Amino acid sequence: MGDIGPGDGQAPEFDVVPRGYERTQVEAAVAEVMGGGTPAAVPAFDVVARGYERRQVDDWFAANLAPAPGGAPQEEPLIPGLGPWSPAFDVVLRGYERRQVDTLTRRVLGTIDGDPSAGPPVTREQLRKDGLFRVALRGYERAQVDAWLSDHADRLPE
């Protein structure tokens, strides 16, 4: 992929990979930025089979979106309501129920960041108990969710 920005007048070319961002969603958001528009937030794209390489797309938007007032780049969650460092889990045929994962992930990040608006704080013990999710069609990839929760458990209070 080349370093092409809105000022170049050419749309970027992203690699197509087995699991990536949905191409028509990315192309529409790129067209909006290329046309001089500024999305209200960094777009959140669906992850699909044969989509655009996620890191390339994320890097392009990070480099080409106008900074928010105050000079800092505007960061939006990958999962709405979670925060700028929220995880992006793949959606698979049989995975963890997404709403349950999103709710617990929001609470974990809120506990770590000291954000009371994310819900009640979570302890390590509660994470072990609440980290059991229903399996549903079109849920989050189980291994990714388990690894993310395991990585963040040590940052929670006992």
Protein backbone atom coordinates (compact mmCIF):
# COMPACT_ATOMS: atom_id res chain seq x y z
CA MET A 1 0.00 0.00 0.00
CA GLY A 2 1.34 3.46 -0.85
CA ASP A 3 1.20 6.54 1.33
CA ILE A 4 -1.65 8.31 -0.40
CA GLY A 5 -3.58 10.99 1.41
CA PRO A 6 -6.57 13.24 0.66
CA GLY A 7 -4.33 15.94 -0.80
CA ASP A 8 -2.96 13.52 -3.42
CA GLY A 9 -6.31 13.20 -5.19
CA GLN A 10 -5.90 9.42 -5.44
CA ALA A 11 -7.65 6.85 -3.31
CA PRO A 12 -5.36 4.57 -1.33
CA GLU A 13 -4.94 0.94 -2.31
CA PHE A 14 -5.24 -1.49 0.57
CA ASP A 15 -4.23 -5.15 0.51
CA VAL A 16 -7.08 -7.69 0.51
CA VAL A 17 -6.58 -10.33 3.20
CA PRO A 18 -8.57 -13.38 4.37
CA ARG A 19 -9.97 -11.47 7.41
CA GLY A 20 -10.18 -7.73 7.06
CA TYR A 21 -12.43 -4.68 7.06
CA GLU A 22 -15.50 -4.77 4.84
CA ARG A 23 -14.37 -3.20 1.57
CA THR A 24 -17.45 -1.15 0.63
CA GLN A 25 -17.58 0.42 4.12
CA VAL A 26 -13.89 1.36 3.90
CA GLU A 27 -14.26 2.72 0.37
CA ALA A 28 -17.25 4.89 1.39
CA ALA A 29 -15.37 6.31 4.39
CA VAL A 30 -12.24 6.94 2.30
CA ALA A 31 -14.36 8.70 -0.34
CA GLU A 32 -15.85 10.93 2.38
CA VAL A 33 -12.40 11.91 3.64
CA MET A 34 -11.03 12.31 0.09
CA GLY A 35 -13.98 14.58 -0.73
CA GLY A 36 -13.04 16.92 2.09
CA GLY A 37 -15.55 15.58 4.57
CA THR A 38 -14.65 14.74 8.11
CA PRO A 39 -16.42 11.76 9.64
CA ALA A 40 -17.92 12.46 13.06
CA ALA A 41 -15.64 9.73 14.40
CA VAL A 42 -13.01 7.32 13.23
CA PRO A 43 -15.14 4.77 11.39
CA ALA A 44 -15.73 1.33 12.88
CA PHE A 45 -15.81 -1.29 10.14
CA ASP A 46 -17.17 -4.83 10.12
CA VAL A 47 -14.53 -7.57 9.91
CA VAL A 48 -15.32 -9.98 7.07
CA ALA A 49 -13.76 -12.67 4.93
CA ARG A 50 -11.69 -11.14 2.11
CA GLY A 51 -11.58 -7.59 3.42
CA TYR A 52 -9.00 -4.82 3.51
CA GLU A 53 -5.96 -5.26 5.78
CA ARG A 54 -6.99 -3.71 9.09
CA ARG A 55 -3.68 -2.14 10.13
CA GLN A 56 -3.28 -0.43 6.74
CA VAL A 57 -6.78 1.02 6.93
CA ASP A 58 -6.37 2.11 10.57
CA ASP A 59 -3.00 3.72 9.79
CA TRP A 60 -4.42 5.56 6.77
CA PHE A 61 -7.32 7.01 8.77
CA ALA A 62 -5.03 7.94 11.68
CA ALA A 63 -2.76 9.83 9.27
CA ASN A 64 -5.50 11.49 7.24
CA LEU A 65 -8.24 12.55 9.62
CA ALA A 66 -8.07 16.13 10.78
CA PRO A 67 -7.04 16.62 14.41
CA ALA A 68 -9.76 17.30 16.91
CA PRO A 69 -10.02 20.78 18.42
CA GLY A 70 -7.04 21.33 20.68
CA GLY A 71 -4.63 19.70 18.27
CA ALA A 72 -4.91 16.10 19.43
CA PRO A 73 -6.07 13.49 16.94
CA GLN A 74 -9.59 12.34 17.50
CA GLU A 75 -9.77 8.75 18.66
CA GLU A 76 -12.98 6.76 18.74
CA PRO A 77 -13.61 3.29 19.99
CA LEU A 78 -13.53 0.27 17.76
CA ILE A 79 -16.53 -0.93 19.70
CA PRO A 80 -18.94 1.96 20.36
CA GLY A 81 -18.84 3.22 23.93
CA LEU A 82 -15.61 1.47 24.94
CA GLY A 83 -12.84 4.01 24.49
CA PRO A 84 -9.95 4.52 22.10
CA TRP A 85 -8.04 1.39 23.13
CA SER A 86 -10.94 -1.02 22.81
CA PRO A 87 -10.30 -4.41 21.26
CA ALA A 88 -11.54 -5.40 17.82
CA PHE A 89 -12.59 -9.03 17.96
CA ASP A 90 -13.32 -11.03 14.84
CA VAL A 91 -16.93 -12.10 14.38
CA VAL A 92 -17.19 -15.84 13.71
CA LEU A 93 -19.99 -18.29 13.05
CA ARG A 94 -20.02 -19.60 16.65
CA GLY A 95 -18.46 -17.28 19.18
CA TYR A 96 -19.13 -15.46 22.42
CA GLU A 97 -22.32 -13.41 22.55
CA ARG A 98 -21.23 -9.94 21.48
CA ARG A 99 -23.37 -7.84 23.81
CA GLN A 100 -22.14 -9.75 26.88
CA VAL A 101 -18.51 -9.33 25.79
CA ASP A 102 -18.97 -5.63 24.99
CA THR A 103 -20.56 -4.96 28.39
CA LEU A 104 -17.82 -6.73 30.35
CA THR A 105 -15.05 -5.23 28.19
CA ARG A 106 -16.47 -1.75 28.79
CA ARG A 107 -16.48 -2.39 32.55
CA VAL A 108 -12.92 -3.76 32.54
CA LEU A 109 -11.58 -0.74 30.64
CA GLY A 110 -13.61 1.59 32.87
CA THR A 111 -12.12 -0.01 35.97
CA ILE A 112 -8.58 0.27 34.61
CA ASP A 113 -9.10 3.89 33.50
CA GLY A 114 -11.07 4.89 36.62
CA ASP A 115 -14.11 5.81 34.52
CA PRO A 116 -17.31 5.40 36.60
CA SER A 117 -19.53 5.94 33.52
CA ALA A 118 -18.46 2.51 32.19
CA GLY A 119 -20.42 0.70 34.89
CA PRO A 120 -19.55 -0.86 38.21
CA PRO A 121 -15.84 -1.60 38.71
CA VAL A 122 -14.67 -5.17 38.08
CA THR A 123 -12.33 -7.17 40.32
CA ARG A 124 -10.23 -10.14 39.21
CA GLU A 125 -12.60 -12.49 41.01
CA GLN A 126 -15.62 -11.00 39.25
CA LEU A 127 -13.81 -11.28 35.93
CA ARG A 128 -13.28 -14.99 36.52
CA LYS A 129 -16.97 -15.39 37.35
CA ASP A 130 -18.42 -12.94 34.77
CA GLY A 131 -16.00 -13.93 32.01
CA LEU A 132 -18.16 -16.92 31.12
CA PHE A 133 -20.20 -16.04 28.04
CA ARG A 134 -22.97 -17.70 26.08
CA VAL A 135 -21.94 -19.04 22.68
CA ALA A 136 -24.02 -17.55 19.88
CA LEU A 137 -24.17 -17.44 16.11
CA ARG A 138 -22.06 -14.58 14.74
CA GLY A 139 -20.32 -14.02 18.06
CA TYR A 140 -16.82 -12.85 18.92
CA GLU A 141 -13.88 -15.21 18.35
CA ARG A 142 -13.57 -17.04 21.67
CA ALA A 143 -9.77 -17.33 21.77
CA GLN A 144 -9.35 -13.59 21.08
CA VAL A 145 -11.77 -12.62 23.87
CA ASP A 146 -10.18 -15.06 26.34
CA ALA A 147 -6.68 -13.76 25.52
CA TRP A 148 -7.77 -10.11 25.88
CA LEU A 149 -9.42 -10.77 29.25
CA SER A 150 -6.40 -12.72 30.45
CA ASP A 151 -4.06 -9.89 29.39
CA HIS A 152 -6.11 -7.31 31.29
CA ALA A 153 -6.92 -9.35 34.43
CA ASP A 154 -3.64 -8.45 36.16
CA ARG A 155 -4.48 -4.74 35.85
CA LEU A 156 -7.65 -5.16 37.90
CA PRO A 157 -7.90 -4.92 41.69
CA GLU A 158 -8.21 -8.14 43.71
